[in-house]
Amino acid sequence: MRQAKDPRIVAAIVASALFMQNLDASVVATALPAMARDLGTDPVHLSVAITSYLVSLCVFIPVSGWVADRFGARRVFMAAIVVFTIASAFVGLSQNVPWLVAARILQGVGGAMMVPVGRLLLLRRVRKEELITAMTWLTMPGLLGPVFGPPVGGLLTDAISWRAVFWLNIPVGLIGLLLVWRFIPDVEKQDPGPLDRLGLSLWGFALAFLMAGLETMGRPIAPPWFAPAMLALGIVTTVAAVRHSRRARRPAIDLSLLKLPTFGITITGSMMFRVGASTLPFLLPLKLQLVFGLSAAGSGLITFATALGAFFMKPLVRPTLRRFGFRTTLAANCGLAALGVAICAAFTPSWPVAAIFIVLAVGGVTRSLQFTSLNTLAFADVPQEKLAQATAMSGVVQQLGQALGVVVGSLLLEGALAATGSPGPGEREFAMAFLVAGFIVLGSLPAALRLPHDAGARVSGHRKGE
């Protein structure tokens, strides 16, 4: 086996997992109307196909750090790719919604180990000064998934079937598995101590209860008492999980990491941004297909502008952060990103396609800058011995933000329908949803302003007065 010593090569190979996961996430939203027609359900209600996967990620990510330390990060990473690839095949074979949800949950198990453990393989090989470069190399190939996902997924949905969209993961998974086996050496095993089974159970149930309550709120898919009961159970279980994590010697979720200013403020303060921004990949394809009357392929060819803008932003991250620093960049860019989401409310079928494409591309630039800056700053001051726990907690927050974004986007549409009395979502309902989502994104501004002026200076190279 040849070993890749250059962190950029390791990052690019690990990014094959990100490519597969991001490809999957971006094509699901594009294929959702076709999936709903085939499975005999409503497209808005089929958001469960997205949230079931994301909730599964949230539930199983906390154990990823312990498993990686116990069995070896490289071995766990390869096993996760195998599980994710097999689960993708099962999703493509789904014949009804329960089958689809079960397969998506299995995908989540694989993804929960795949992405955070892959990130751990990289983080344990780079110095703090190399962190921005390494994270850029990690995310740029991963962004190819959202770039190619919408147009390729739309074309496959129209030409073959939505099922072919998930079968794309099979060759990608096999190639990624081969590259990891050939070029990436394992990192040194560490003693993770005993597994915090009680903590994992409490956090897992808390997340599952909360998401089940939010997903079914105000919908005729469960008894009226179900959503309030799930939310109440989720709140009680969350309180118990927090109390346990503060007392346990080696908790599954190490809340002491939140005492690190760059990690704590970034992780907790970024949630509003992640939720608001994550409504866009759910709402936009639906609007283009249900309101504009576009096909899945036509919708994908427009929405991929967002990922294209994000892709071309990556080389500019380092010079931007070096010039302005993390605090100024995150605060100023937050307003631009909020505008990029809210402006989608103005889209109508009379807009030229080129204008929509440009607006989405610019919005993709701002969201890419924010996400990369947040993900990099979070690890700026985390010591090596805490990286496993930090990657697990960061992974939970990222995936929970995406899951809540889909749920919130769906709830915003449901609320708009109730307010207007319309039988189905139209221009007014989508406009209301996008405007509220933009305000949610803006809600992360106070957290950015709480950062010290020299936050992450060692990583960004920014010096006050430059």
Foldseek 3Di string as FASTA:
>chain_A
DAADQDLLLLLLLLLLLLLLVLLLLLLCLLCQVQVCVQQVHDSLLLLLLVLLLLLLLLLQLLCLLVCCLVPFLLVLQLVLLVQLLVLLLQCLVDRHSVSSSVSSSSNSNSSSNHNLSSVLLSVLNDDLQCLLVSLLSNVLSSLVSLLCNQQVSLVCCVPPRNSVSSNVSNVSSVVSSVCSVPYHDTDDRDNLDDAPVVLSVLSSLLSVLQLVLLSCPPHPPDPNVRNVVSNVSSVVSVVVSVVCLVPDPRHSANPVLLVPLLQVLLLVLCLLQLLLLLLCSNLQSCQCCVALVDGSNVSSVQLSLLSVLLSVLSVVLLVVCQAQNLLVLLQVLLLVLLCLQLCVLVDHNVDPSVVSSVSSSSNSNSSSSNVSSSVSLNCSPDDSVCSSSSSSSSSSSNSSSNSSNSSLSSVQLVVLCVVVVDPHDYSRSSSSSSNVSSVSSNSSNVSSNPDDSCRSCSHSVHDPPD
